[in-house]
Amino acid sequence: MSEPASRTFLRHSLATLAYRGGKALRDVPAGFSEFSVGPASRTPGQVLAHVGDLLDWALWLAKGEHKWEPQAPQAWEADMKRFHDGLAKLDAYLASDAELGFSPEKIFQGPIADAFTHIGQIGMMRRLAGAPVKGENYFRAEISTGRVGIEQEKPAREFD
């Protein structure tokens, strides 16, 4: 895949992460951020803060720096905003003519793939906490490159 094509695919991956992440992060029950599945596991709030760190790292990589600066978890809504803001900043950079410091493939295989894993963990923790995310046929979802904001359209088809 050529760099322009892989860069476009990376942007679509961000839109997919925004869509799936939005579903997992919206409408969580009170106290969910501190839910624990065990004494050695991260809480959903810690996982979400880590996803924000991953998106910051991805932007630094796109700009050519291998920089890691983790932030402490904030309130759920603040970290949810950080998630979407991080996606928006990275998407805007990828949409520009700016040179990439690392290949789109490397940016995907590191921070972006890890972010998908952690969004899945949050979804699993929601189920364990008794507040599962409603299933959906993601193939039919209206996911568009560049749409990474906090507002996402209604799912294409949810499963009951």
Protein backbone atom coordinates (compact mmCIF):
# COMPACT_ATOMS: atom_id res chain seq x y z
CA MET A 1 0.00 0.00 0.00
CA SER A 2 1.43 3.42 -0.92
CA GLU A 3 1.94 6.01 1.80
CA PRO A 4 -1.06 8.15 0.73
CA ALA A 5 -3.28 5.05 0.71
CA SER A 6 -1.94 3.76 4.03
CA ARG A 7 -2.27 7.24 5.52
CA THR A 8 -5.93 7.30 4.40
CA PHE A 9 -6.47 3.84 5.83
CA LEU A 10 -4.93 4.99 9.13
CA ARG A 11 -7.40 7.90 9.19
CA HIS A 12 -10.28 5.47 8.61
CA SER A 13 -8.91 3.36 11.47
CA LEU A 14 -9.11 6.44 13.70
CA ALA A 15 -12.74 7.00 12.68
CA THR A 16 -13.46 3.35 13.50
CA LEU A 17 -11.76 3.71 16.87
CA ALA A 18 -13.83 6.84 17.53
CA TYR A 19 -17.05 5.02 16.67
CA ARG A 20 -16.34 1.89 18.68
CA GLY A 21 -14.79 3.88 21.50
CA GLY A 22 -17.75 6.23 21.60
CA LYS A 23 -20.10 3.30 22.10
CA ALA A 24 -17.98 1.84 24.90
CA LEU A 25 -17.46 5.17 26.68
CA ARG A 26 -20.95 6.72 26.46
CA ASP A 27 -23.61 6.30 29.11
CA VAL A 28 -21.52 4.41 31.64
CA PRO A 29 -23.10 3.81 35.05
CA ALA A 30 -22.14 5.96 38.03
CA GLY A 31 -18.91 4.78 39.60
CA PHE A 32 -17.87 2.76 36.53
CA SER A 33 -14.55 4.59 36.26
CA GLU A 34 -13.45 2.96 39.55
CA PHE A 35 -14.89 -0.52 38.81
CA SER A 36 -12.34 -3.26 39.45
CA VAL A 37 -12.27 -6.82 38.20
CA GLY A 38 -9.42 -7.68 40.57
CA PRO A 39 -6.75 -6.20 42.82
CA ALA A 40 -4.03 -6.25 40.14
CA SER A 41 -6.15 -4.96 37.24
CA ARG A 42 -6.56 -1.43 35.95
CA THR A 43 -9.86 0.32 36.48
CA PRO A 44 -11.81 1.56 33.45
CA GLY A 45 -10.71 5.09 34.35
CA GLN A 46 -7.06 4.05 34.32
CA VAL A 47 -7.52 2.22 31.01
CA LEU A 48 -9.21 5.25 29.42
CA ALA A 49 -6.41 7.55 30.62
CA HIS A 50 -3.92 5.11 29.06
CA VAL A 51 -5.80 5.27 25.75
CA GLY A 52 -5.42 9.06 25.89
CA ASP A 53 -1.68 8.55 26.46
CA LEU A 54 -1.54 6.24 23.43
CA LEU A 55 -3.19 8.85 21.22
CA ASP A 56 -0.75 11.51 22.43
CA TRP A 57 2.11 9.11 21.65
CA ALA A 58 0.68 8.45 18.17
CA LEU A 59 0.64 12.19 17.43
CA TRP A 60 4.23 12.55 18.62
CA LEU A 61 5.22 9.62 16.39
CA ALA A 62 3.44 11.20 13.43
CA LYS A 63 5.48 14.35 14.09
CA GLY A 64 8.70 12.32 14.25
CA GLU A 65 9.29 12.11 18.01
CA HIS A 66 9.21 8.99 20.13
CA LYS A 67 7.78 10.71 23.21
CA TRP A 68 5.78 9.10 26.05
CA GLU A 69 4.23 11.31 28.74
CA PRO A 70 1.50 9.46 30.66
CA GLN A 71 -1.14 11.49 32.46
CA ALA A 72 -3.07 10.54 35.58
CA PRO A 73 -6.73 9.61 35.14
CA GLN A 74 -9.22 12.47 35.32
CA ALA A 75 -12.98 12.41 35.71
CA TRP A 76 -14.59 10.04 33.17
CA GLU A 77 -16.11 12.85 31.05
CA ALA A 78 -12.77 14.69 30.93
CA ASP A 79 -10.89 11.59 29.78
CA MET A 80 -13.63 10.79 27.27
CA LYS A 81 -13.15 14.29 25.85
CA ARG A 82 -9.37 13.73 25.86
CA PHE A 83 -9.93 10.52 23.84
CA HIS A 84 -11.90 12.33 21.12
CA ASP A 85 -9.65 15.40 21.17
CA GLY A 86 -6.60 13.14 20.77
CA LEU A 87 -8.24 11.42 17.80
CA ALA A 88 -9.12 14.79 16.27
CA LYS A 89 -5.58 16.17 16.63
CA LEU A 90 -4.03 13.04 15.14
CA ASP A 91 -6.57 12.93 12.32
CA ALA A 92 -5.97 16.60 11.49
CA TYR A 93 -2.24 15.99 11.33
CA LEU A 94 -2.72 12.97 9.08
CA ALA A 95 -5.10 14.96 6.86
CA SER A 96 -2.49 17.70 6.39
CA ASP A 97 0.44 17.73 4.01
CA ALA A 98 2.87 17.47 6.93
CA GLU A 99 5.51 14.79 6.65
CA LEU A 100 5.13 11.73 8.85
CA GLY A 101 8.01 10.98 11.17
CA PHE A 102 7.14 7.28 11.16
CA SER A 103 5.17 5.21 8.69
CA PRO A 104 1.38 4.89 9.00
CA GLU A 105 1.89 1.15 9.45
CA LYS A 106 4.19 1.68 12.47
CA ILE A 107 1.79 4.21 13.98
CA PHE A 108 -1.05 1.72 13.54
CA GLN A 109 0.79 -1.33 14.87
CA GLY A 110 1.91 0.47 18.03
CA PRO A 111 -0.42 2.98 19.67
CA ILE A 112 -3.54 2.61 17.51
CA ALA A 113 -3.77 -1.19 17.69
CA ASP A 114 -3.14 -0.95 21.44
CA ALA A 115 -5.95 1.60 21.76
CA PHE A 116 -8.38 -0.80 20.05
CA THR A 117 -7.37 -3.50 22.55
CA HIS A 118 -8.04 -1.21 25.49
CA ILE A 119 -11.40 -0.01 24.16
CA GLY A 120 -12.31 -3.69 23.97
CA GLN A 121 -11.25 -4.08 27.60
CA ILE A 122 -13.54 -1.24 28.60
CA GLY A 123 -16.37 -2.95 26.72
CA MET A 124 -15.65 -6.19 28.58
CA MET A 125 -15.56 -4.37 31.92
CA ARG A 126 -18.92 -2.79 31.15
CA ARG A 127 -20.39 -6.26 30.69
CA LEU A 128 -18.83 -7.44 33.96
CA ALA A 129 -20.22 -4.34 35.69
CA GLY A 130 -23.72 -5.16 34.44
CA ALA A 131 -23.89 -2.39 31.81
CA PRO A 132 -22.99 -4.07 28.50
CA VAL A 133 -22.61 -2.17 25.27
CA LYS A 134 -25.39 -3.09 22.87
CA GLY A 135 -24.11 -5.29 20.05
CA GLU A 136 -24.06 -3.98 16.52
CA ASN A 137 -23.19 -5.07 13.00
CA TYR A 138 -20.13 -2.83 12.59
CA PHE A 139 -19.85 -3.68 8.92
CA ARG A 140 -23.04 -1.66 8.37
CA ALA A 141 -22.04 1.21 10.64
CA GLU A 142 -21.73 4.66 9.08
CA ILE A 143 -18.07 5.26 9.80
CA SER A 144 -16.47 7.99 7.71
CA THR A 145 -12.83 9.02 7.51
CA GLY A 146 -12.42 12.25 9.42
CA ARG A 147 -15.37 11.71 11.77
CA VAL A 148 -13.63 11.34 15.12
CA GLY A 149 -15.59 13.75 17.34
CA ILE A 150 -17.51 12.91 20.45
CA GLU A 151 -20.82 12.95 18.57
CA GLN A 152 -21.38 9.82 16.53
CA GLU A 153 -24.40 8.85 14.49
CA LYS A 154 -26.93 6.28 15.55
CA PRO A 155 -25.69 2.72 15.05
CA ALA A 156 -26.60 1.04 11.78
CA ARG A 157 -28.25 -1.95 13.39
CA GLU A 158 -28.08 -2.92 17.02
CA PHE A 159 -28.70 -6.45 18.19
CA ASP A 160 -31.15 -7.04 21.01
